[in-house]
Amino acid sequence: MKIRKLLLSVIIVLLAIGGAISCKRHTSKKLQEKEESQIIYRICDSCQDVFAGEDPTCPECGQEQCPEVLEEMNRLLTGLWDYAESMRVQDRPYGYFRWSRSAYDEYSTMASYMALNGYNLLSRLGYPPPLSQNQLEEWRETAESWYNPETGLIEDSLPLKRLGISGSEYESIFLLYTQRWLTILRTAGVPGDFVVPKNLIQKYDVFADVDQARAWLDSMKNVPNPWGWGSHAARNLSRHQKILADQGREDGVLDFVHQWIDENQNPETGLWGPPETPLHDAVAGHFKIVKGMYLIYGWPIHYIERTIDSALRLQDSTGSFGPGPCENFDALYSLYVLKRETDYRSDDIDRAAALNALEVLRYWHEDESGFSFNRDSALLTVGGWPQLMPEGINEADIYSMAHWPMAVVYMRAILLGEDPEPKPDAR
């Protein structure tokens, strides 16, 4: 049961982000450009800390030639696609990828999904992988070959059924997965030529009317995992709004959900969840709820200063917001969104973003040019997931390649004042 729950949680994480080997390196021009007023942060390996200043000598220990935070991030991202290529199944059409070097499955459709997600992310960051249009088209054809017209789904080789995941639970996971495939293919410029049946989408419309939406949300009110239910709520609302758009009608569900979410936010912390909710889950929940609903529908964000206090309190002295990529980029995302609303603790937010570079570097493998998911415990291996290495760090994997750079997206947004997600019009 424990393994089953862990796998389910990992799969939900996989779907939350929605998209030939070359010696040529791609450098982001934006990352190299510096405004005159920008404070430069540097990394001191000896102190395991960051400091601000033009002088590359650490003022605490005297270490010389301390690199700039963003230059170090640039160094990692310029070679990251080489890791993806090392995970590609070379004797198959383009688009077949493995999870990691130790994965015993020949390939995984989810690994391919995460690789394409990574391609889109690196392109967005200014490091476009050197793929030709023909390779992208072949990747699209590979994805289409996995589509099952009888079920209307793209499924995966992960042993979900062996873990007791079947029926509607299995179907709902891959309904979301198939919809995500359509999104990331479109983002890559090669739209998929398959559709998700409308009756399947309507089957899982748990927000079909206000009463159903109220019942579902009330059942989540005391669940100490706003990251999980916040993600589901955003997805449920998006699915229902799409159904309404296809039917050319409106109802009161959107307004009701907005009211419920507002009323259940804690004014003292700016977060959601009962008192026993772990802080990292609450901050991650803020990311899911704000990104998935407030920004999409133009809802005003509340309790901004208290939320900033909460997110900054989560970070420890090593720069970490939590044990993995999601906890870190979730917190940075919330700080990025909130910083553009206020000057409150702006310098603290900047330093927190710079300090998080230390955490990003801890998960980097120089030998593989890739990222690992977590430390000190093996990631689930029943589906060919990465193994725990002797030094206590998981080997690099495709999932992490598509997620650790998200921390860099919002780190850079904070430090350079970039705006990767412009504000929506207020509703």
Protein backbone atom coordinates (compact mmCIF):
# COMPACT_ATOMS: atom_id res chain seq x y z
CA MET A 1 0.00 0.00 0.00
CA LYS A 2 2.85 2.38 0.82
CA ILE A 3 4.48 1.77 -2.56
CA ARG A 4 1.14 2.23 -4.31
CA LYS A 5 0.55 5.60 -2.66
CA LEU A 6 4.11 6.71 -3.43
CA LEU A 7 3.78 5.79 -7.08
CA LEU A 8 0.47 7.60 -7.37
CA SER A 9 1.97 10.74 -5.84
CA VAL A 10 4.95 10.58 -8.20
CA ILE A 11 2.65 10.18 -11.22
CA ILE A 12 0.63 13.23 -10.20
CA VAL A 13 3.91 15.15 -9.93
CA LEU A 14 4.91 13.94 -13.38
CA LEU A 15 1.78 15.39 -14.92
CA ALA A 16 1.80 18.66 -13.07
CA ILE A 17 3.94 20.50 -15.40
CA GLY A 18 2.21 21.62 -18.32
CA GLY A 19 5.37 20.79 -21.95
CA ALA A 20 21.09 13.99 -32.30
CA ILE A 21 23.85 14.75 -29.78
CA SER A 22 25.64 17.96 -30.64
CA CYS A 23 28.79 19.56 -29.28
CA LYS A 24 27.28 22.97 -29.87
CA ARG A 25 26.34 24.79 -26.66
CA HIS A 26 23.46 27.23 -26.41
CA THR A 27 23.76 30.23 -24.17
CA SER A 28 20.80 32.30 -23.04
CA LYS A 29 21.33 35.92 -23.98
CA LYS A 30 18.93 37.08 -21.29
CA LEU A 31 20.85 35.22 -18.62
CA GLN A 32 24.07 36.94 -19.68
CA GLU A 33 22.57 40.43 -19.77
CA LYS A 34 22.76 42.43 -16.55
CA GLU A 35 20.95 45.60 -15.70
CA GLU A 36 23.13 48.27 -14.15
CA SER A 37 21.04 48.20 -10.98
CA GLN A 38 21.12 44.40 -10.65
CA ILE A 39 22.83 42.99 -7.57
CA ILE A 40 25.23 40.20 -8.50
CA TYR A 41 25.18 37.16 -6.21
CA ARG A 42 28.14 34.78 -6.04
CA ILE A 43 28.61 31.25 -4.69
CA CYS A 44 31.33 30.45 -2.17
CA ASP A 45 31.97 26.69 -2.17
CA SER A 46 34.02 26.89 1.03
CA CYS A 47 31.32 28.67 3.04
CA GLN A 48 28.46 26.95 1.22
CA ASP A 49 26.78 30.33 1.07
CA VAL A 50 26.14 33.17 -1.33
CA PHE A 51 27.21 36.79 -1.12
CA ALA A 52 26.45 39.93 -3.11
CA GLY A 53 29.12 41.93 -4.87
CA GLU A 54 31.20 42.61 -7.98
CA ASP A 55 34.35 41.38 -6.24
CA PRO A 56 34.63 37.59 -6.76
CA THR A 57 36.51 37.13 -3.48
CA CYS A 58 34.40 35.82 -0.58
CA PRO A 59 34.37 38.43 2.22
CA GLU A 60 34.06 35.71 4.87
CA CYS A 61 36.75 33.14 4.01
CA GLY A 62 38.76 34.83 1.28
CA GLN A 63 38.07 32.22 -1.42
CA GLU A 64 38.88 33.75 -4.79
CA GLN A 65 37.08 33.57 -8.13
CA CYS A 66 33.67 32.76 -6.68
CA PRO A 67 31.33 32.26 -9.65
CA GLU A 68 28.16 34.23 -10.17
CA VAL A 69 24.96 32.37 -9.34
CA LEU A 70 23.40 32.84 -12.75
CA GLU A 71 26.62 31.93 -14.55
CA GLU A 72 26.65 28.63 -12.67
CA MET A 73 23.05 27.98 -13.63
CA ASN A 74 23.99 28.84 -17.21
CA ARG A 75 26.80 26.26 -17.07
CA LEU A 76 24.40 23.51 -16.02
CA LEU A 77 21.67 24.24 -18.52
CA THR A 78 23.91 24.61 -21.57
CA GLY A 79 24.76 20.89 -21.52
CA LEU A 80 21.56 19.46 -20.08
CA TRP A 81 20.11 18.19 -23.36
CA ASP A 82 23.14 15.92 -23.78
CA TYR A 83 21.78 13.95 -20.81
CA ALA A 84 18.40 13.54 -22.52
CA GLU A 85 20.13 12.24 -25.63
CA SER A 86 22.04 9.71 -23.54
CA MET A 87 18.67 8.36 -22.36
CA ARG A 88 17.24 8.11 -25.88
CA VAL A 89 16.81 4.63 -27.37
CA GLN A 90 19.11 5.02 -30.36
CA ASP A 91 17.83 2.18 -32.56
CA ARG A 92 14.19 3.28 -32.52
CA PRO A 93 12.36 6.21 -34.13
CA TYR A 94 12.98 9.54 -32.41
CA GLY A 95 10.97 9.91 -29.21
CA TYR A 96 11.77 6.68 -27.34
CA PHE A 97 13.44 7.46 -23.99
CA ARG A 98 14.44 5.56 -20.85
CA TRP A 99 13.97 6.87 -17.31
CA SER A 100 17.60 6.46 -16.26
CA ARG A 101 20.71 4.38 -16.88
CA SER A 102 19.60 1.66 -14.47
CA ALA A 103 15.98 1.51 -15.69
CA TYR A 104 15.22 -2.03 -16.78
CA ASP A 105 12.32 -1.00 -19.03
CA GLU A 106 13.54 -0.52 -22.58
CA TYR A 107 11.56 2.71 -22.81
CA SER A 108 8.69 4.55 -21.16
CA THR A 109 6.07 6.77 -22.78
CA MET A 110 6.17 8.89 -19.62
CA ALA A 111 9.94 9.28 -20.00
CA SER A 112 9.31 10.49 -23.55
CA TYR A 113 6.68 12.90 -22.25
CA MET A 114 9.12 14.31 -19.68
CA ALA A 115 11.89 14.59 -22.29
CA LEU A 116 9.62 16.64 -24.56
CA ASN A 117 8.60 18.71 -21.55
CA GLY A 118 12.32 19.32 -20.98
CA TYR A 119 12.79 20.27 -24.63
CA ASN A 120 10.03 22.88 -24.36
CA LEU A 121 11.40 24.20 -21.08
CA LEU A 122 14.98 24.54 -22.32
CA SER A 123 13.73 26.27 -25.48
CA ARG A 124 11.75 28.69 -23.33
CA LEU A 125 14.83 29.42 -21.21
CA GLY A 126 16.92 30.25 -24.27
CA TYR A 127 18.76 26.92 -24.63
CA PRO A 128 16.91 25.32 -27.56
CA PRO A 129 18.11 21.73 -28.07
CA PRO A 130 19.52 21.16 -31.57
CA LEU A 131 16.61 19.14 -32.93
CA SER A 132 15.55 19.38 -36.55
CA GLN A 133 11.95 19.77 -37.66
CA ASN A 134 12.11 16.22 -38.99
CA GLN A 135 13.11 14.91 -35.55
CA LEU A 136 10.24 16.77 -33.91
CA GLU A 137 7.81 15.41 -36.49
CA GLU A 138 9.13 11.91 -35.89
CA TRP A 139 8.66 12.44 -32.15
CA ARG A 140 5.03 13.43 -32.77
CA GLU A 141 4.51 10.28 -34.88
CA THR A 142 6.04 8.19 -32.08
CA ALA A 143 3.58 9.66 -29.56
CA GLU A 144 0.67 9.07 -31.94
CA SER A 145 1.73 5.43 -32.32
CA TRP A 146 1.12 4.98 -28.57
CA TYR A 147 -2.43 6.34 -28.78
CA ASN A 148 -5.08 3.65 -28.33
CA PRO A 149 -8.17 4.60 -30.39
CA GLU A 150 -10.30 2.09 -28.48
CA THR A 151 -9.73 3.82 -25.13
CA GLY A 152 -8.89 7.28 -26.45
CA LEU A 153 -5.75 7.26 -24.27
CA ILE A 154 -1.97 7.10 -24.36
CA GLU A 155 -0.94 4.71 -21.62
CA ASP A 156 2.43 3.68 -20.20
CA SER A 157 4.50 0.64 -19.38
CA LEU A 158 4.62 1.46 -15.68
CA PRO A 159 3.19 -1.49 -13.69
CA LEU A 160 0.14 0.35 -12.37
CA LYS A 161 -2.14 -2.65 -12.63
CA ARG A 162 0.34 -4.84 -10.74
CA LEU A 163 0.08 -2.31 -7.91
CA GLY A 164 -3.70 -2.61 -7.85
CA ILE A 165 -4.37 0.59 -9.80
CA SER A 166 -7.12 -0.17 -12.29
CA GLY A 167 -10.59 0.80 -13.42
CA SER A 168 -11.63 4.44 -13.14
CA GLU A 169 -8.52 5.36 -11.14
CA TYR A 170 -6.27 4.04 -13.91
CA GLU A 171 -8.42 5.63 -16.61
CA SER A 172 -8.48 9.07 -14.94
CA ILE A 173 -4.67 9.13 -14.60
CA PHE A 174 -4.16 8.48 -18.29
CA LEU A 175 -6.97 10.82 -19.32
CA LEU A 176 -4.91 13.64 -17.80
CA TYR A 177 -1.72 12.18 -19.28
CA THR A 178 -3.16 12.09 -22.80
CA GLN A 179 -4.41 15.67 -22.51
CA ARG A 180 -0.92 16.74 -21.39
CA TRP A 181 0.61 15.04 -24.41
CA LEU A 182 -1.58 17.14 -26.69
CA THR A 183 -0.46 20.29 -24.86
CA ILE A 184 3.28 19.64 -25.01
CA LEU A 185 3.19 18.55 -28.66
CA ARG A 186 1.40 21.79 -29.54
CA THR A 187 3.97 23.77 -27.53
CA ALA A 188 6.78 22.04 -29.46
CA GLY A 189 5.18 23.15 -32.72
CA VAL A 190 4.03 19.68 -33.82
CA PRO A 191 0.35 19.33 -32.81
CA GLY A 192 -0.83 15.77 -32.30
CA ASP A 193 -3.40 14.28 -34.64
CA PHE A 194 -5.50 12.54 -32.00
CA VAL A 195 -8.29 13.57 -29.65
CA VAL A 196 -9.56 12.70 -26.19
CA PRO A 197 -13.21 11.60 -26.41
CA LYS A 198 -15.56 14.24 -25.00
CA ASN A 199 -17.65 11.64 -23.20
CA LEU A 200 -14.50 10.57 -21.31
CA ILE A 201 -13.81 14.16 -20.25
CA GLN A 202 -17.42 14.58 -19.09
CA LYS A 203 -17.21 11.29 -17.17
CA TYR A 204 -14.66 12.83 -14.81
CA ASP A 205 -16.29 16.25 -14.46
CA VAL A 206 -16.57 16.25 -10.66
CA PHE A 207 -17.44 19.97 -10.77
CA ALA A 208 -20.48 19.35 -12.97
CA ASP A 209 -22.59 21.76 -10.88
CA VAL A 210 -22.26 23.88 -7.74
CA ASP A 211 -23.52 21.13 -5.42
CA GLN A 212 -20.96 18.63 -6.70
CA ALA A 213 -18.18 21.22 -6.54
CA ARG A 214 -19.16 22.10 -2.96
CA ALA A 215 -19.20 18.45 -1.90
CA TRP A 216 -15.79 17.78 -3.39
CA LEU A 217 -14.16 20.92 -1.97
CA ASP A 218 -15.70 20.42 1.48
CA SER A 219 -14.26 16.89 1.53
CA MET A 220 -10.79 18.44 1.06
CA LYS A 221 -11.17 21.17 3.69
CA ASN A 222 -9.35 19.32 6.47
CA VAL A 223 -6.95 17.33 4.31
CA PRO A 224 -3.39 18.42 5.22
CA ASN A 225 -2.19 18.29 1.63
CA PRO A 226 -3.22 21.44 -0.26
CA TRP A 227 -0.58 20.66 -2.87
CA GLY A 228 -2.52 17.52 -3.81
CA TRP A 229 -6.09 18.77 -3.59
CA GLY A 230 -5.12 22.18 -4.97
CA SER A 231 -3.74 20.50 -8.06
CA HIS A 232 -6.89 18.41 -8.46
CA ALA A 233 -9.16 21.41 -7.87
CA ALA A 234 -7.41 23.45 -10.56
CA ARG A 235 -7.63 20.55 -12.97
CA ASN A 236 -11.29 19.85 -12.15
CA LEU A 237 -12.19 23.49 -12.71
CA SER A 238 -10.26 23.68 -15.98
CA ARG A 239 -11.95 20.52 -17.24
CA HIS A 240 -15.41 21.85 -16.33
CA GLN A 241 -14.78 25.23 -17.96
CA LYS A 242 -13.69 23.50 -21.17
CA ILE A 243 -16.90 21.47 -21.19
CA LEU A 244 -18.92 24.68 -20.75
CA ALA A 245 -17.01 26.37 -23.57
CA ASP A 246 -17.67 23.43 -25.90
CA GLN A 247 -21.37 23.58 -25.00
CA GLY A 248 -21.52 27.37 -25.35
CA ARG A 249 -22.97 27.99 -21.90
CA GLU A 250 -22.05 29.32 -18.47
CA ASP A 251 -22.99 28.35 -14.91
CA GLY A 252 -22.10 29.42 -11.38
CA VAL A 253 -19.33 26.90 -10.67
CA LEU A 254 -16.41 29.22 -11.39
CA ASP A 255 -17.73 31.93 -9.06
CA PHE A 256 -18.52 29.39 -6.36
CA VAL A 257 -15.04 27.82 -6.48
CA HIS A 258 -13.48 31.29 -6.31
CA GLN A 259 -15.53 32.12 -3.23
CA TRP A 260 -14.73 28.80 -1.53
CA ILE A 261 -10.99 29.07 -2.18
CA ASP A 262 -10.91 32.68 -0.90
CA GLU A 263 -12.86 31.82 2.24
CA ASN A 264 -10.60 28.89 3.12
CA GLN A 265 -7.29 30.74 2.85
CA ASN A 266 -5.63 31.32 6.22
CA PRO A 267 -5.21 35.11 6.68
CA GLU A 268 -2.36 34.60 9.17
CA THR A 269 -0.17 32.53 6.83
CA GLY A 270 -1.64 33.20 3.38
CA LEU A 271 -1.77 29.44 2.86
CA TRP A 272 -4.36 26.67 2.75
CA GLY A 273 -4.83 23.52 4.82
CA PRO A 274 -5.55 22.66 8.46
CA PRO A 275 -3.04 23.59 11.22
CA GLU A 276 -1.24 20.23 11.01
CA THR A 277 -0.34 20.76 7.34
CA PRO A 278 3.46 20.57 6.85
CA LEU A 279 4.80 23.95 5.79
CA HIS A 280 6.35 22.61 2.58
CA ASP A 281 2.98 21.11 1.55
CA ALA A 282 1.21 24.39 2.36
CA VAL A 283 3.66 26.50 0.33
CA ALA A 284 3.47 24.01 -2.53
CA GLY A 285 -0.31 24.24 -2.27
CA HIS A 286 -0.08 28.01 -2.69
CA PHE A 287 1.86 27.42 -5.92
CA LYS A 288 -0.75 24.99 -7.24
CA ILE A 289 -3.76 27.09 -6.29
CA VAL A 290 -2.39 30.46 -7.42
CA LYS A 291 -0.87 29.18 -10.66
CA GLY A 292 -3.77 26.87 -11.50
CA MET A 293 -6.65 29.20 -10.65
CA TYR A 294 -5.86 32.75 -9.46
CA LEU A 295 -3.61 33.63 -12.38
CA ILE A 296 -5.63 31.76 -15.00
CA TYR A 297 -8.94 33.41 -14.05
CA GLY A 298 -7.53 36.78 -12.97
CA TRP A 299 -8.53 36.52 -9.30
CA PRO A 300 -6.93 39.05 -6.93
CA ILE A 301 -4.24 37.49 -4.70
CA HIS A 302 -4.71 38.05 -0.95
CA TYR A 303 -2.49 38.13 2.17
CA ILE A 304 0.61 38.79 0.10
CA GLU A 305 2.95 39.83 2.93
CA ARG A 306 1.95 36.94 5.19
CA THR A 307 2.50 34.48 2.34
CA ILE A 308 5.96 35.89 1.67
CA ASP A 309 6.82 35.42 5.35
CA SER A 310 5.61 31.81 5.17
CA ALA A 311 7.57 30.93 2.02
CA LEU A 312 10.79 32.51 3.31
CA ARG A 313 10.39 30.70 6.63
CA LEU A 314 10.39 27.40 4.75
CA GLN A 315 13.94 27.83 3.42
CA ASP A 316 16.75 26.50 5.63
CA SER A 317 20.29 27.86 5.97
CA THR A 318 21.57 25.58 3.18
CA GLY A 319 19.23 27.19 0.63
CA SER A 320 16.80 24.29 0.47
CA PHE A 321 13.01 24.67 0.43
CA GLY A 322 12.58 20.89 0.60
CA PRO A 323 13.88 17.51 -0.56
CA GLY A 324 13.37 17.62 -4.31
CA PRO A 325 12.78 19.84 -7.34
CA CYS A 326 9.06 20.42 -6.78
CA GLU A 327 9.37 21.79 -3.24
CA ASN A 328 12.04 24.20 -4.44
CA PHE A 329 10.51 25.58 -7.61
CA ASP A 330 7.06 25.68 -5.98
CA ALA A 331 8.37 28.06 -3.31
CA LEU A 332 10.36 30.15 -5.80
CA TYR A 333 7.30 30.44 -8.03
CA SER A 334 5.17 31.80 -5.18
CA LEU A 335 7.91 34.29 -4.24
CA TYR A 336 8.24 35.38 -7.87
CA VAL A 337 4.49 35.97 -8.22
CA LEU A 338 4.26 37.80 -4.88
CA LYS A 339 7.36 39.95 -5.44
CA ARG A 340 5.81 41.55 -8.49
CA GLU A 341 2.87 42.60 -6.31
CA THR A 342 4.86 44.35 -3.56
CA ASP A 343 8.27 45.60 -2.42
CA TYR A 344 7.83 43.83 0.93
CA ARG A 345 11.03 41.94 1.87
CA SER A 346 12.27 42.27 -1.70
CA ASP A 347 15.94 41.95 -0.73
CA ASP A 348 15.18 38.84 1.32
CA ILE A 349 13.41 37.28 -1.65
CA ASP A 350 16.39 38.02 -3.91
CA ARG A 351 18.84 36.44 -1.49
CA ALA A 352 16.60 33.40 -0.99
CA ALA A 353 16.48 32.88 -4.75
CA ALA A 354 20.27 33.15 -5.05
CA LEU A 355 20.83 30.84 -2.08
CA ASN A 356 18.63 28.19 -3.68
CA ALA A 357 21.33 27.77 -6.35
CA LEU A 358 23.26 25.76 -3.75
CA GLU A 359 20.39 23.29 -3.58
CA VAL A 360 20.17 23.03 -7.37
CA LEU A 361 23.89 22.22 -7.50
CA ARG A 362 23.54 19.49 -4.87
CA TYR A 363 21.37 17.47 -7.24
CA TRP A 364 23.63 17.91 -10.26
CA HIS A 365 25.79 15.06 -11.58
CA GLU A 366 28.89 16.35 -13.37
CA ASP A 367 29.63 12.91 -14.85
CA GLU A 368 26.19 12.55 -16.42
CA SER A 369 25.36 16.23 -17.03
CA GLY A 370 22.00 15.58 -15.42
CA PHE A 371 19.94 16.09 -12.28
CA SER A 372 18.77 13.54 -9.73
CA PHE A 373 15.43 13.61 -7.95
CA ASN A 374 16.25 13.26 -4.28
CA ARG A 375 18.90 12.33 -1.72
CA ASP A 376 19.20 9.78 1.09
CA SER A 377 16.38 7.51 -0.10
CA ALA A 378 15.92 5.52 -3.29
CA LEU A 379 13.23 6.67 -5.67
CA LEU A 380 10.67 3.97 -6.42
CA THR A 381 12.28 1.27 -8.58
CA VAL A 382 9.33 -0.98 -9.46
CA GLY A 383 8.85 0.83 -12.75
CA GLY A 384 12.52 1.21 -13.57
CA TRP A 385 13.00 4.40 -11.57
CA PRO A 386 16.48 5.67 -10.64
CA GLN A 387 18.46 3.76 -8.05
CA LEU A 388 20.08 5.20 -4.94
CA MET A 389 23.81 5.54 -5.52
CA PRO A 390 26.49 4.71 -2.90
CA GLU A 391 27.06 8.36 -2.06
CA GLY A 392 23.41 8.71 -1.02
CA ILE A 393 22.17 10.53 -4.11
CA ASN A 394 19.93 9.06 -6.78
CA GLU A 395 21.40 8.74 -10.24
CA ALA A 396 20.31 11.30 -12.80
CA ASP A 397 16.90 10.78 -14.44
CA ILE A 398 14.66 12.20 -17.14
CA TYR A 399 12.04 13.42 -14.70
CA SER A 400 14.52 15.64 -12.87
CA MET A 401 15.89 16.99 -16.16
CA ALA A 402 12.47 18.47 -16.84
CA HIS A 403 11.91 19.81 -13.33
CA TRP A 404 15.07 21.22 -11.72
CA PRO A 405 15.36 23.86 -14.50
CA MET A 406 11.99 25.16 -13.28
CA ALA A 407 13.80 26.40 -10.18
CA VAL A 408 16.14 28.30 -12.49
CA VAL A 409 13.17 29.82 -14.35
CA TYR A 410 11.83 31.46 -11.19
CA MET A 411 15.26 32.11 -9.67
CA ARG A 412 16.07 34.10 -12.77
CA ALA A 413 12.67 35.78 -12.80
CA ILE A 414 13.32 37.03 -9.26
CA LEU A 415 16.94 38.10 -9.75
CA LEU A 416 16.64 39.60 -13.24
CA GLY A 417 13.09 40.89 -13.00
CA GLU A 418 11.98 38.67 -15.87
CA ASP A 419 8.29 37.89 -16.20
CA PRO A 420 7.84 34.41 -17.70
CA GLU A 421 4.13 34.50 -16.90
CA PRO A 422 2.58 37.93 -17.49
CA LYS A 423 -0.24 38.98 -15.22
CA PRO A 424 -3.72 38.13 -16.50
CA ASP A 425 -6.45 40.73 -16.76
CA ALA A 426 -8.44 40.99 -13.54
CA ARG A 427 -11.78 39.25 -13.73
